[in-house]
Amino acid sequence: MRELVLTEIGRLDVRDAPTPSPGPDEVLIRVAATGICGSDVHGYTGENGRRFPGQVMGHESSGTIAAVGSGVGGLAVGTPVTFNPVVVPAEDAAAYAGREQHHPGKHVIGVAADIPAAFADYVVVPARNVVPLPDGLPIELGALIEPLAVAVHAVRRLPQESLGRVLVIGGGPIGQSIVIALRDAGAGTVIVSEMDAARRELVQRLGAETIDPAAGPVAEQLRERGGLADAALDAVGITPTLRDALTSTVLGAPICLVGMGAPQVALDAFLVSTEERSLIGSFTYGSEDFADATEIIGAEPDVYRALISREIDVIDADSAFSALAAGDGTPGKVLVRFDREEQTR
């Protein structure tokens, strides 16, 4: 099979590798499509320190079941599926159900350097992490479920009563998914702060209003357009965007930090303490969030196809990563398709 290997920082190569076999309670998935996550790009450039040379990345995937290991029931070969990449030890799965991201010994497929992941023709995952796709969902759209699950979880970290007027900072793929999750949660007005015009146009198509932070302070623009936000989600995660979230919300507002643009940020402490805002962290999702994201996409697949900017062949992955790292202006998700060639080995 083919796999994309981060052979060195700033370089991906296609390598031949043996097709793996599933062990007990595992499933082998024939990968159809894997999305390029922003964290993968930051790993490619070495910015986040969470990807390493020699690693096979990839955690936003869809495909079909190719084989099942012993002890696996209810999952048939040929079934279109995606998988939840947050894995907890089998003996703790029941105790951490719905909050798997809190397990101190969890690993994330695509992040854990020693576990081959989904930028490959095949990937092995625990059967308990496999999620069948809704009937009729085009298989490539299954690769959008993981980033939407991130957004669903982040929105649920905010109190429901704060969702009247919501500011989303960053209109990239996670910000776009947050717009969808907010709509599903019954939010009122959703406003996205995004510098890139193409991304602003995309989130407008999803039903959000937009502002350009380059046109002036975000807080001032919000005041001119109806008032400060009741809540904010920072889908970027750097000092300037976190400050925008704090200054652009009403006193007492909750702020959800879901973007991981920088490992450290400077915090305007008085905007939290004296104005009683709450700063809430959000990382990945629980299994219920993932299942709900699957249902959301399954209900309106034509709407969510707008999130895909382009689909590329495996051989073009390195150039795509390089272009994304250079800020090529791609507004939405790039999918690497692994199902365009018949396997010869």
C-alpha atoms as a PDB file:
ATOM      1  CA  MET A   1       0.000   0.000   0.000  1.00  0.00           C
ATOM      2  CA  ARG A   2       0.940   3.652  -0.268  1.00  0.00           C
ATOM      3  CA  GLU A   3       1.517   5.850   2.747  1.00  0.00           C
ATOM      4  CA  LEU A   4       2.523   9.492   3.066  1.00  0.00           C
ATOM      5  CA  VAL A   5       5.529   9.812   5.333  1.00  0.00           C
ATOM      6  CA  LEU A   6       6.812  13.020   6.900  1.00  0.00           C
ATOM      7  CA  THR A   7      10.378  12.165   5.940  1.00  0.00           C
ATOM      8  CA  GLU A   8      11.664  15.472   7.274  1.00  0.00           C
ATOM      9  CA  ILE A   9      10.167  18.745   8.379  1.00  0.00           C
ATOM     10  CA  GLY A  10       8.759  20.348   5.252  1.00  0.00           C
ATOM     11  CA  ARG A  11       8.689  17.194   3.137  1.00  0.00           C
ATOM     12  CA  LEU A  12       6.188  14.376   2.550  1.00  0.00           C
ATOM     13  CA  ASP A  13       7.082  11.334   0.456  1.00  0.00           C
ATOM     14  CA  VAL A  14       4.955   8.494  -0.876  1.00  0.00           C
ATOM     15  CA  ARG A  15       6.317   5.198   0.411  1.00  0.00           C
ATOM     16  CA  ASP A  16       5.364   1.586  -0.196  1.00  0.00           C
ATOM     17  CA  ALA A  17       4.491  -0.366   2.947  1.00  0.00           C
ATOM     18  CA  PRO A  18       2.884  -3.715   3.722  1.00  0.00           C
ATOM     19  CA  THR A  19      -0.888  -3.613   4.105  1.00  0.00           C
ATOM     20  CA  PRO A  20      -1.603  -4.077   7.822  1.00  0.00           C
ATOM     21  CA  SER A  21      -3.931  -6.689   9.262  1.00  0.00           C
ATOM     22  CA  PRO A  22      -6.432  -5.996  12.025  1.00  0.00           C
ATOM     23  CA  GLY A  23      -5.835  -7.641  15.377  1.00  0.00           C
ATOM     24  CA  PRO A  24      -8.496  -8.706  17.880  1.00  0.00           C
ATOM     25  CA  ASP A  25     -11.239  -6.067  18.257  1.00  0.00           C
ATOM     26  CA  GLU A  26      -9.722  -4.025  15.413  1.00  0.00           C
ATOM     27  CA  VAL A  27     -10.942  -2.979  11.979  1.00  0.00           C
ATOM     28  CA  LEU A  28      -8.961  -2.402   8.778  1.00  0.00           C
ATOM     29  CA  ILE A  29     -10.316   0.569   6.824  1.00  0.00           C
ATOM     30  CA  ARG A  30      -9.632   1.116   3.131  1.00  0.00           C
ATOM     31  CA  VAL A  31      -9.187   4.878   3.128  1.00  0.00           C
ATOM     32  CA  ALA A  32     -11.114   6.876   0.556  1.00  0.00           C
ATOM     33  CA  ALA A  33     -10.279  10.429   1.631  1.00  0.00           C
ATOM     34  CA  THR A  34      -8.323  12.141   4.383  1.00  0.00           C
ATOM     35  CA  GLY A  35      -8.557  15.844   5.095  1.00  0.00           C
ATOM     36  CA  ILE A  36      -5.525  18.027   5.668  1.00  0.00           C
ATOM     37  CA  CYS A  37      -5.951  19.519   9.142  1.00  0.00           C
ATOM     38  CA  GLY A  38      -4.323  22.787  10.153  1.00  0.00           C
ATOM     39  CA  SER A  39      -2.484  20.862  12.857  1.00  0.00           C
ATOM     40  CA  ASP A  40      -1.055  18.585  10.153  1.00  0.00           C
ATOM     41  CA  VAL A  41       0.201  21.623   8.260  1.00  0.00           C
ATOM     42  CA  HIS A  42       1.780  23.003  11.445  1.00  0.00           C
ATOM     43  CA  GLY A  43       3.347  19.604  11.992  1.00  0.00           C
ATOM     44  CA  TYR A  44       4.657  19.620   8.424  1.00  0.00           C
ATOM     45  CA  THR A  45       6.346  22.971   9.066  1.00  0.00           C
ATOM     46  CA  GLY A  46       7.526  21.998  12.553  1.00  0.00           C
ATOM     47  CA  GLU A  47       5.600  24.838  14.166  1.00  0.00           C
ATOM     48  CA  ASN A  48       3.619  22.872  16.716  1.00  0.00           C
ATOM     49  CA  GLY A  49       6.126  20.241  17.818  1.00  0.00           C
ATOM     50  CA  ARG A  50       3.377  17.593  17.687  1.00  0.00           C
ATOM     51  CA  ARG A  51       4.424  15.762  14.514  1.00  0.00           C
ATOM     52  CA  PHE A  52       7.783  14.079  13.915  1.00  0.00           C
ATOM     53  CA  PRO A  53       9.916  12.897  10.972  1.00  0.00           C
ATOM     54  CA  GLY A  54       9.108   9.315  10.077  1.00  0.00           C
ATOM     55  CA  GLN A  55       5.450   9.736  11.015  1.00  0.00           C
ATOM     56  CA  VAL A  56       2.353   8.928   8.958  1.00  0.00           C
ATOM     57  CA  MET A  57      -0.197  11.608   9.884  1.00  0.00           C
ATOM     58  CA  GLY A  58      -3.917  11.917   9.143  1.00  0.00           C
ATOM     59  CA  HIS A  59      -7.005  11.797  11.360  1.00  0.00           C
ATOM     60  CA  GLU A  60      -9.906  13.251   9.318  1.00  0.00           C
ATOM     61  CA  SER A  61     -10.871  10.258   7.211  1.00  0.00           C
ATOM     62  CA  SER A  62     -13.531   8.169   5.571  1.00  0.00           C
ATOM     63  CA  GLY A  63     -13.430   4.852   3.776  1.00  0.00           C
ATOM     64  CA  THR A  64     -14.862   1.355   3.776  1.00  0.00           C
ATOM     65  CA  ILE A  65     -14.262  -1.605   6.026  1.00  0.00           C
ATOM     66  CA  ALA A  66     -11.768  -3.937   4.348  1.00  0.00           C
ATOM     67  CA  ALA A  67     -11.406  -6.545   7.106  1.00  0.00           C
ATOM     68  CA  VAL A  68     -12.296  -7.112  10.739  1.00  0.00           C
ATOM     69  CA  GLY A  69     -10.334  -8.815  13.477  1.00  0.00           C
ATOM     70  CA  SER A  70     -11.497 -11.510  15.833  1.00  0.00           C
ATOM     71  CA  GLY A  71     -14.150 -10.484  18.320  1.00  0.00           C
ATOM     72  CA  VAL A  72     -15.601  -7.737  16.132  1.00  0.00           C
ATOM     73  CA  GLY A  73     -19.356  -7.827  15.717  1.00  0.00           C
ATOM     74  CA  GLY A  74     -21.846  -5.571  13.973  1.00  0.00           C
ATOM     75  CA  LEU A  75     -19.372  -4.162  11.424  1.00  0.00           C
ATOM     76  CA  ALA A  76     -19.441  -5.733   7.976  1.00  0.00           C
ATOM     77  CA  VAL A  77     -16.806  -5.629   5.260  1.00  0.00           C
ATOM     78  CA  GLY A  78     -17.731  -3.010   2.661  1.00  0.00           C
ATOM     79  CA  THR A  79     -19.533  -0.698   5.094  1.00  0.00           C
ATOM     80  CA  PRO A  80     -18.757   3.022   4.521  1.00  0.00           C
ATOM     81  CA  VAL A  81     -17.308   4.432   7.734  1.00  0.00           C
ATOM     82  CA  THR A  82     -15.289   7.094   9.428  1.00  0.00           C
ATOM     83  CA  PHE A  83     -13.449   6.759  12.727  1.00  0.00           C
ATOM     84  CA  ASN A  84     -13.067   8.702  15.945  1.00  0.00           C
ATOM     85  CA  PRO A  85      -9.295   9.116  16.340  1.00  0.00           C
ATOM     86  CA  VAL A  86      -9.386   9.665  20.132  1.00  0.00           C
ATOM     87  CA  VAL A  87      -8.542   6.275  21.605  1.00  0.00           C
ATOM     88  CA  VAL A  88      -8.720   5.287  25.261  1.00  0.00           C
ATOM     89  CA  PRO A  89      -7.644   1.913  26.648  1.00  0.00           C
ATOM     90  CA  ALA A  90     -10.314  -0.713  26.098  1.00  0.00           C
ATOM     91  CA  GLU A  91     -10.635  -1.413  29.812  1.00  0.00           C
ATOM     92  CA  ASP A  92     -11.528   2.243  30.454  1.00  0.00           C
ATOM     93  CA  ALA A  93     -13.836   2.805  27.481  1.00  0.00           C
ATOM     94  CA  ALA A  94     -17.040   2.437  29.482  1.00  0.00           C
ATOM     95  CA  ALA A  95     -15.878   4.647  32.360  1.00  0.00           C
ATOM     96  CA  TYR A  96     -14.831   7.446  29.991  1.00  0.00           C
ATOM     97  CA  ALA A  97     -17.706   7.129  27.523  1.00  0.00           C
ATOM     98  CA  GLY A  98     -18.635  10.589  26.250  1.00  0.00           C
ATOM     99  CA  ARG A  99     -15.519  12.203  27.741  1.00  0.00           C
ATOM    100  CA  GLU A 100     -12.744  10.212  26.136  1.00  0.00           C
ATOM    101  CA  GLN A 101     -10.640  13.341  25.689  1.00  0.00           C
ATOM    102  CA  HIS A 102     -10.210  13.516  29.483  1.00  0.00           C
ATOM    103  CA  HIS A 103      -8.449  10.172  29.793  1.00  0.00           C
ATOM    104  CA  PRO A 104      -4.831  10.868  30.828  1.00  0.00           C
ATOM    105  CA  GLY A 105      -3.604   7.891  28.824  1.00  0.00           C
ATOM    106  CA  LYS A 106      -5.519   8.521  25.603  1.00  0.00           C
ATOM    107  CA  HIS A 107      -3.834   8.777  22.256  1.00  0.00           C
ATOM    108  CA  VAL A 108      -4.998  10.420  19.059  1.00  0.00           C
ATOM    109  CA  ILE A 109      -4.554   8.570  15.780  1.00  0.00           C
ATOM    110  CA  GLY A 110      -2.672  10.941  13.488  1.00  0.00           C
ATOM    111  CA  VAL A 111      -0.949  12.690  16.397  1.00  0.00           C
ATOM    112  CA  ALA A 112       0.710   9.763  18.157  1.00  0.00           C
ATOM    113  CA  ALA A 113       4.007   9.434  16.291  1.00  0.00           C
ATOM    114  CA  ASP A 114       4.342   5.658  16.688  1.00  0.00           C
ATOM    115  CA  ILE A 115       0.902   4.748  15.304  1.00  0.00           C
ATOM    116  CA  PRO A 116       0.522   4.746  11.481  1.00  0.00           C
ATOM    117  CA  ALA A 117      -2.472   6.882  10.640  1.00  0.00           C
ATOM    118  CA  ALA A 118      -4.784   7.766   7.784  1.00  0.00           C
ATOM    119  CA  PHE A 119      -2.622   9.394   5.115  1.00  0.00           C
ATOM    120  CA  ALA A 120      -2.374   5.896   3.709  1.00  0.00           C
ATOM    121  CA  ASP A 121      -4.359   3.421   1.643  1.00  0.00           C
ATOM    122  CA  TYR A 122      -5.272   1.479   4.779  1.00  0.00           C
ATOM    123  CA  VAL A 123      -5.465   2.227   8.486  1.00  0.00           C
ATOM    124  CA  VAL A 124      -6.171  -0.028  11.473  1.00  0.00           C
ATOM    125  CA  VAL A 125      -8.373   1.356  14.255  1.00  0.00           C
ATOM    126  CA  PRO A 126     -10.152  -0.095  17.284  1.00  0.00           C
ATOM    127  CA  ALA A 127     -13.601  -1.378  16.343  1.00  0.00           C
ATOM    128  CA  ARG A 128     -15.162   0.710  19.140  1.00  0.00           C
ATOM    129  CA  ASN A 129     -13.932   3.868  17.377  1.00  0.00           C
ATOM    130  CA  VAL A 130     -15.484   3.041  13.999  1.00  0.00           C
ATOM    131  CA  VAL A 131     -18.597   5.043  13.065  1.00  0.00           C
ATOM    132  CA  PRO A 132     -20.733   3.989  10.064  1.00  0.00           C
ATOM    133  CA  LEU A 133     -21.664   6.783   7.684  1.00  0.00           C
ATOM    134  CA  PRO A 134     -25.305   7.771   7.211  1.00  0.00           C
ATOM    135  CA  ASP A 135     -27.054   6.058   4.322  1.00  0.00           C
ATOM    136  CA  GLY A 136     -26.453   7.844   1.037  1.00  0.00           C
ATOM    137  CA  LEU A 137     -23.718  10.147   2.304  1.00  0.00           C
ATOM    138  CA  PRO A 138     -21.035  10.582  -0.392  1.00  0.00           C
ATOM    139  CA  ILE A 139     -18.018   8.881   1.065  1.00  0.00           C
ATOM    140  CA  GLU A 140     -15.677  11.870   0.771  1.00  0.00           C
ATOM    141  CA  LEU A 141     -17.977  13.938   2.998  1.00  0.00           C
ATOM    142  CA  GLY A 142     -17.257  11.506   5.802  1.00  0.00           C
ATOM    143  CA  ALA A 143     -13.839  13.144   6.082  1.00  0.00           C
ATOM    144  CA  LEU A 144     -15.581  16.327   7.273  1.00  0.00           C
ATOM    145  CA  ILE A 145     -17.092  14.670  10.334  1.00  0.00           C
ATOM    146  CA  GLU A 146     -14.005  14.876  12.548  1.00  0.00           C
ATOM    147  CA  PRO A 147     -13.511  18.662  12.252  1.00  0.00           C
ATOM    148  CA  LEU A 148     -17.255  19.160  12.704  1.00  0.00           C
ATOM    149  CA  ALA A 149     -17.067  17.085  15.904  1.00  0.00           C
ATOM    150  CA  VAL A 150     -14.406  19.519  17.170  1.00  0.00           C
ATOM    151  CA  ALA A 151     -16.837  22.355  16.526  1.00  0.00           C
ATOM    152  CA  VAL A 152     -19.846  20.586  18.051  1.00  0.00           C
ATOM    153  CA  HIS A 153     -17.895  19.976  21.247  1.00  0.00           C
ATOM    154  CA  ALA A 154     -16.608  23.556  21.400  1.00  0.00           C
ATOM    155  CA  VAL A 155     -20.095  25.020  21.013  1.00  0.00           C
ATOM    156  CA  ARG A 156     -21.391  22.715  23.738  1.00  0.00           C
ATOM    157  CA  ARG A 157     -18.737  24.077  26.089  1.00  0.00           C
ATOM    158  CA  LEU A 158     -20.650  27.376  26.053  1.00  0.00           C
ATOM    159  CA  PRO A 159     -23.833  27.898  28.084  1.00  0.00           C
ATOM    160  CA  GLN A 160     -26.897  27.625  25.854  1.00  0.00           C
ATOM    161  CA  GLU A 161     -28.202  30.956  27.126  1.00  0.00           C
ATOM    162  CA  SER A 162     -25.104  32.733  25.758  1.00  0.00           C
ATOM    163  CA  LEU A 163     -25.806  31.779  22.132  1.00  0.00           C
ATOM    164  CA  GLY A 164     -27.904  34.783  21.185  1.00  0.00           C
ATOM    165  CA  ARG A 165     -25.157  36.769  19.451  1.00  0.00           C
ATOM    166  CA  VAL A 166     -21.947  34.829  18.922  1.00  0.00           C
ATOM    167  CA  LEU A 167     -18.572  35.925  17.591  1.00  0.00           C
ATOM    168  CA  VAL A 168     -16.392  33.338  15.836  1.00  0.00           C
ATOM    169  CA  ILE A 169     -12.800  34.419  15.335  1.00  0.00           C
ATOM    170  CA  GLY A 170     -11.251  32.727  12.331  1.00  0.00           C
ATOM    171  CA  GLY A 171     -13.082  31.563   9.226  1.00  0.00           C
ATOM    172  CA  GLY A 172     -10.881  28.609   8.312  1.00  0.00           C
ATOM    173  CA  PRO A 173     -12.125  25.004   8.315  1.00  0.00           C
ATOM    174  CA  ILE A 174     -12.686  24.893  12.092  1.00  0.00           C
ATOM    175  CA  GLY A 175     -14.377  28.299  12.102  1.00  0.00           C
ATOM    176  CA  GLN A 176     -16.558  27.140   9.225  1.00  0.00           C
ATOM    177  CA  SER A 177     -17.504  24.014  11.163  1.00  0.00           C
ATOM    178  CA  ILE A 178     -18.288  26.136  14.218  1.00  0.00           C
ATOM    179  CA  VAL A 179     -20.780  28.129  12.145  1.00  0.00           C
ATOM    180  CA  ILE A 180     -22.520  24.855  11.273  1.00  0.00           C
ATOM    181  CA  ALA A 181     -22.467  23.668  14.887  1.00  0.00           C
ATOM    182  CA  LEU A 182     -23.857  26.993  16.123  1.00  0.00           C
ATOM    183  CA  ARG A 183     -26.677  26.803  13.611  1.00  0.00           C
ATOM    184  CA  ASP A 184     -27.477  23.284  14.776  1.00  0.00           C
ATOM    185  CA  ALA A 185     -27.415  24.476  18.414  1.00  0.00           C
ATOM    186  CA  GLY A 186     -29.997  27.156  17.679  1.00  0.00           C
ATOM    187  CA  ALA A 187     -27.720  30.189  17.940  1.00  0.00           C
ATOM    188  CA  GLY A 188     -29.121  33.556  16.948  1.00  0.00           C
ATOM    189  CA  THR A 189     -26.736  35.869  15.093  1.00  0.00           C
ATOM    190  CA  VAL A 190     -23.343  34.396  14.173  1.00  0.00           C
ATOM    191  CA  ILE A 191     -20.590  36.814  13.172  1.00  0.00           C
ATOM    192  CA  VAL A 192     -17.231  35.592  11.868  1.00  0.00           C
ATOM    193  CA  SER A 193     -14.113  37.734  12.044  1.00  0.00           C
ATOM    194  CA  GLU A 194     -11.841  36.719   9.174  1.00  0.00           C
ATOM    195  CA  MET A 195      -9.225  38.572   7.148  1.00  0.00           C
ATOM    196  CA  ASP A 196      -9.412  36.435   4.000  1.00  0.00           C
ATOM    197  CA  ALA A 197     -12.135  37.489   1.560  1.00  0.00           C
ATOM    198  CA  ALA A 198     -12.668  33.988   0.143  1.00  0.00           C
ATOM    199  CA  ARG A 199     -13.217  32.568   3.615  1.00  0.00           C
ATOM    200  CA  ARG A 200     -15.618  35.377   4.457  1.00  0.00           C
ATOM    201  CA  GLU A 201     -17.605  34.538   1.344  1.00  0.00           C
ATOM    202  CA  LEU A 202     -17.704  30.849   2.281  1.00  0.00           C
ATOM    203  CA  VAL A 203     -19.013  31.383   5.815  1.00  0.00           C
ATOM    204  CA  GLN A 204     -21.593  33.814   4.463  1.00  0.00           C
ATOM    205  CA  ARG A 205     -22.881  30.959   2.312  1.00  0.00           C
ATOM    206  CA  LEU A 206     -23.201  28.958   5.538  1.00  0.00           C
ATOM    207  CA  GLY A 207     -25.414  31.669   7.032  1.00  0.00           C
ATOM    208  CA  ALA A 208     -22.995  33.800   9.056  1.00  0.00           C
ATOM    209  CA  GLU A 209     -22.374  37.516   8.984  1.00  0.00           C
ATOM    210  CA  THR A 210     -18.740  38.570   8.570  1.00  0.00           C
ATOM    211  CA  ILE A 211     -16.352  41.341   9.478  1.00  0.00           C
ATOM    212  CA  ASP A 212     -12.803  42.000   8.342  1.00  0.00           C
ATOM    213  CA  PRO A 213     -10.516  42.653  11.340  1.00  0.00           C
ATOM    214  CA  ALA A 214      -8.153  44.552   9.039  1.00  0.00           C
ATOM    215  CA  ALA A 215     -10.877  47.189   8.603  1.00  0.00           C
ATOM    216  CA  GLY A 216     -10.676  48.272  12.230  1.00  0.00           C
ATOM    217  CA  PRO A 217     -10.969  46.990  15.810  1.00  0.00           C
ATOM    218  CA  VAL A 218     -13.394  44.086  15.966  1.00  0.00           C
ATOM    219  CA  ALA A 219     -15.158  45.500  19.033  1.00  0.00           C
ATOM    220  CA  GLU A 220     -15.839  48.804  17.284  1.00  0.00           C
ATOM    221  CA  GLN A 221     -17.191  47.062  14.203  1.00  0.00           C
ATOM    222  CA  LEU A 222     -19.517  44.982  16.369  1.00  0.00           C
ATOM    223  CA  ARG A 223     -20.810  48.067  18.184  1.00  0.00           C
ATOM    224  CA  GLU A 224     -21.603  49.647  14.840  1.00  0.00           C
ATOM    225  CA  ARG A 225     -23.532  46.528  13.810  1.00  0.00           C
ATOM    226  CA  GLY A 226     -25.748  45.884  16.791  1.00  0.00           C
ATOM    227  CA  GLY A 227     -23.511  45.504  19.821  1.00  0.00           C
ATOM    228  CA  LEU A 228     -20.882  43.314  21.405  1.00  0.00           C
ATOM    229  CA  ALA A 229     -21.233  39.536  21.330  1.00  0.00           C
ATOM    230  CA  ASP A 230     -22.770  37.461  24.105  1.00  0.00           C
ATOM    231  CA  ALA A 231     -20.104  34.785  23.613  1.00  0.00           C
ATOM    232  CA  ALA A 232     -17.073  34.107  21.448  1.00  0.00           C
ATOM    233  CA  LEU A 233     -15.166  31.136  20.084  1.00  0.00           C
ATOM    234  CA  ASP A 234     -11.539  31.666  19.130  1.00  0.00           C
ATOM    235  CA  ALA A 235     -10.754  29.243  16.303  1.00  0.00           C
ATOM    236  CA  VAL A 236      -7.252  30.665  15.800  1.00  0.00           C
ATOM    237  CA  GLY A 237      -5.664  30.677  19.241  1.00  0.00           C
ATOM    238  CA  ILE A 238      -3.012  33.376  19.209  1.00  0.00           C
ATOM    239  CA  THR A 239      -2.614  36.458  21.397  1.00  0.00           C
ATOM    240  CA  PRO A 240      -4.304  38.987  19.054  1.00  0.00           C
ATOM    241  CA  THR A 241      -7.342  36.783  18.430  1.00  0.00           C
ATOM    242  CA  LEU A 242      -7.807  35.965  22.091  1.00  0.00           C
ATOM    243  CA  ARG A 243      -7.664  39.672  22.862  1.00  0.00           C
ATOM    244  CA  ASP A 244     -10.322  40.298  20.202  1.00  0.00           C
ATOM    245  CA  ALA A 245     -12.519  37.683  21.869  1.00  0.00           C
ATOM    246  CA  LEU A 246     -12.144  39.341  25.256  1.00  0.00           C
ATOM    247  CA  THR A 247     -12.669  42.913  24.088  1.00  0.00           C
ATOM    248  CA  SER A 248     -15.535  42.137  21.720  1.00  0.00           C
ATOM    249  CA  THR A 249     -17.865  40.449  24.189  1.00  0.00           C
ATOM    250  CA  VAL A 250     -20.168  41.778  26.896  1.00  0.00           C
ATOM    251  CA  LEU A 251     -19.176  41.705  30.548  1.00  0.00           C
ATOM    252  CA  GLY A 252     -19.624  38.230  31.991  1.00  0.00           C
ATOM    253  CA  ALA A 253     -19.356  36.549  28.591  1.00  0.00           C
ATOM    254  CA  PRO A 254     -17.924  33.054  28.067  1.00  0.00           C
ATOM    255  CA  ILE A 255     -14.992  32.689  25.676  1.00  0.00           C
ATOM    256  CA  CYS A 256     -14.165  29.270  24.220  1.00  0.00           C
ATOM    257  CA  LEU A 257     -10.568  28.753  23.123  1.00  0.00           C
ATOM    258  CA  VAL A 258     -10.542  25.979  20.519  1.00  0.00           C
ATOM    259  CA  GLY A 259      -7.794  27.132  18.135  1.00  0.00           C
ATOM    260  CA  MET A 260      -4.217  26.083  18.871  1.00  0.00           C
ATOM    261  CA  GLY A 261      -2.291  28.586  16.785  1.00  0.00           C
ATOM    262  CA  ALA A 262       0.350  29.064  19.460  1.00  0.00           C
ATOM    263  CA  PRO A 263       1.365  27.016  22.514  1.00  0.00           C
ATOM    264  CA  GLN A 264       1.497  30.188  24.624  1.00  0.00           C
ATOM    265  CA  VAL A 265      -0.540  33.397  24.538  1.00  0.00           C
ATOM    266  CA  ALA A 266      -0.462  36.643  26.510  1.00  0.00           C
ATOM    267  CA  LEU A 267      -3.651  37.185  28.484  1.00  0.00           C
ATOM    268  CA  ASP A 268      -5.256  40.508  29.423  1.00  0.00           C
ATOM    269  CA  ALA A 269      -6.060  39.301  32.926  1.00  0.00           C
ATOM    270  CA  PHE A 270      -8.293  42.235  33.915  1.00  0.00           C
ATOM    271  CA  LEU A 271     -10.591  41.490  30.965  1.00  0.00           C
ATOM    272  CA  VAL A 272     -11.205  38.145  32.641  1.00  0.00           C
ATOM    273  CA  SER A 273     -11.169  39.036  36.323  1.00  0.00           C
ATOM    274  CA  THR A 274     -12.651  42.517  36.654  1.00  0.00           C
ATOM    275  CA  GLU A 275     -15.140  42.014  33.824  1.00  0.00           C
ATOM    276  CA  GLU A 276     -15.983  38.444  34.881  1.00  0.00           C
ATOM    277  CA  ARG A 277     -15.530  36.724  31.561  1.00  0.00           C
ATOM    278  CA  SER A 278     -14.970  32.991  31.557  1.00  0.00           C
ATOM    279  CA  LEU A 279     -12.165  31.460  29.495  1.00  0.00           C
ATOM    280  CA  ILE A 280     -13.092  27.891  28.545  1.00  0.00           C
ATOM    281  CA  GLY A 281     -10.832  25.362  26.881  1.00  0.00           C
ATOM    282  CA  SER A 282     -11.980  22.863  24.260  1.00  0.00           C
ATOM    283  CA  PHE A 283     -10.010  19.937  22.864  1.00  0.00           C
ATOM    284  CA  THR A 284     -11.269  17.343  20.398  1.00  0.00           C
ATOM    285  CA  TYR A 285     -14.640  15.867  21.479  1.00  0.00           C
ATOM    286  CA  GLY A 286     -16.414  13.032  23.193  1.00  0.00           C
ATOM    287  CA  SER A 287     -17.935  10.083  21.383  1.00  0.00           C
ATOM    288  CA  GLU A 288     -21.429  11.613  21.588  1.00  0.00           C
ATOM    289  CA  ASP A 289     -20.186  14.816  19.924  1.00  0.00           C
ATOM    290  CA  PHE A 290     -18.660  12.702  17.154  1.00  0.00           C
ATOM    291  CA  ALA A 291     -21.851  10.715  16.633  1.00  0.00           C
ATOM    292  CA  ASP A 292     -23.924  13.904  16.531  1.00  0.00           C
ATOM    293  CA  ALA A 293     -21.568  15.477  13.990  1.00  0.00           C
ATOM    294  CA  THR A 294     -22.125  12.420  11.803  1.00  0.00           C
ATOM    295  CA  GLU A 295     -25.892  12.964  11.937  1.00  0.00           C
ATOM    296  CA  ILE A 296     -25.575  16.697  11.194  1.00  0.00           C
ATOM    297  CA  ILE A 297     -23.616  16.112   7.995  1.00  0.00           C
ATOM    298  CA  GLY A 298     -25.863  13.236   7.005  1.00  0.00           C
ATOM    299  CA  ALA A 299     -28.928  15.488   7.175  1.00  0.00           C
ATOM    300  CA  GLU A 300     -27.676  18.121   4.706  1.00  0.00           C
ATOM    301  CA  PRO A 301     -24.798  16.733   2.655  1.00  0.00           C
ATOM    302  CA  ASP A 302     -25.222  19.173  -0.227  1.00  0.00           C
ATOM    303  CA  VAL A 303     -24.786  22.118   2.152  1.00  0.00           C
ATOM    304  CA  TYR A 304     -21.561  20.797   3.600  1.00  0.00           C
ATOM    305  CA  ARG A 305     -19.926  20.007   0.279  1.00  0.00           C
ATOM    306  CA  ALA A 306     -19.168  23.752   0.178  1.00  0.00           C
ATOM    307  CA  LEU A 307     -16.554  23.118   2.884  1.00  0.00           C
ATOM    308  CA  ILE A 308     -14.356  21.196   0.423  1.00  0.00           C
ATOM    309  CA  SER A 309     -12.158  23.485  -1.657  1.00  0.00           C
ATOM    310  CA  ARG A 310     -10.376  20.786  -3.641  1.00  0.00           C
ATOM    311  CA  GLU A 311      -9.534  17.098  -3.768  1.00  0.00           C
ATOM    312  CA  ILE A 312      -6.051  15.970  -4.734  1.00  0.00           C
ATOM    313  CA  ASP A 313      -4.218  12.789  -5.641  1.00  0.00           C
ATOM    314  CA  VAL A 314      -1.758  11.188  -3.247  1.00  0.00           C
ATOM    315  CA  ILE A 315       1.239  12.154  -5.373  1.00  0.00           C
ATOM    316  CA  ASP A 316       0.294  15.839  -5.044  1.00  0.00           C
ATOM    317  CA  ALA A 317       0.104  15.872  -1.240  1.00  0.00           C
ATOM    318  CA  ASP A 318       3.543  17.346  -0.576  1.00  0.00           C
ATOM    319  CA  SER A 319       2.947  20.296  -2.900  1.00  0.00           C
ATOM    320  CA  ALA A 320      -0.485  20.846  -1.331  1.00  0.00           C
ATOM    321  CA  PHE A 321       0.982  20.902   2.172  1.00  0.00           C
ATOM    322  CA  SER A 322       3.672  23.306   1.027  1.00  0.00           C
ATOM    323  CA  ALA A 323       1.116  25.619  -0.568  1.00  0.00           C
ATOM    324  CA  LEU A 324      -1.143  25.575   2.493  1.00  0.00           C
ATOM    325  CA  ALA A 325       1.824  26.317   4.729  1.00  0.00           C
ATOM    326  CA  ALA A 326       2.657  29.307   2.534  1.00  0.00           C
ATOM    327  CA  GLY A 327      -0.915  30.615   2.847  1.00  0.00           C
ATOM    328  CA  ASP A 328      -2.078  29.947  -0.699  1.00  0.00           C
ATOM    329  CA  GLY A 329      -5.556  31.315  -0.062  1.00  0.00           C
ATOM    330  CA  THR A 330      -7.423  28.015   0.010  1.00  0.00           C
ATOM    331  CA  PRO A 331     -10.647  28.901   1.852  1.00  0.00           C
ATOM    332  CA  GLY A 332     -11.832  25.438   2.882  1.00  0.00           C
ATOM    333  CA  LYS A 333     -10.760  21.843   3.291  1.00  0.00           C
ATOM    334  CA  VAL A 334      -8.315  19.994   1.044  1.00  0.00           C
ATOM    335  CA  LEU A 335      -8.904  16.251   0.795  1.00  0.00           C
ATOM    336  CA  VAL A 336      -6.286  13.715  -0.235  1.00  0.00           C
ATOM    337  CA  ARG A 337      -8.048  10.969  -2.207  1.00  0.00           C
ATOM    338  CA  PHE A 338      -6.710   7.458  -1.761  1.00  0.00           C
ATOM    339  CA  ASP A 339      -9.436   5.762  -3.793  1.00  0.00           C
ATOM    340  CA  ARG A 340      -8.514   6.953  -7.270  1.00  0.00           C
ATOM    341  CA  GLU A 341      -6.145   4.120  -8.126  1.00  0.00           C
ATOM    342  CA  GLU A 342      -6.544   0.369  -7.935  1.00  0.00           C
ATOM    343  CA  GLN A 343      -3.990  -1.206  -5.622  1.00  0.00           C
ATOM    344  CA  THR A 344      -1.307  -3.349  -7.228  1.00  0.00           C
ATOM    345  CA  ARG A 345       0.187  -4.685  -4.013  1.00  0.00           C
END
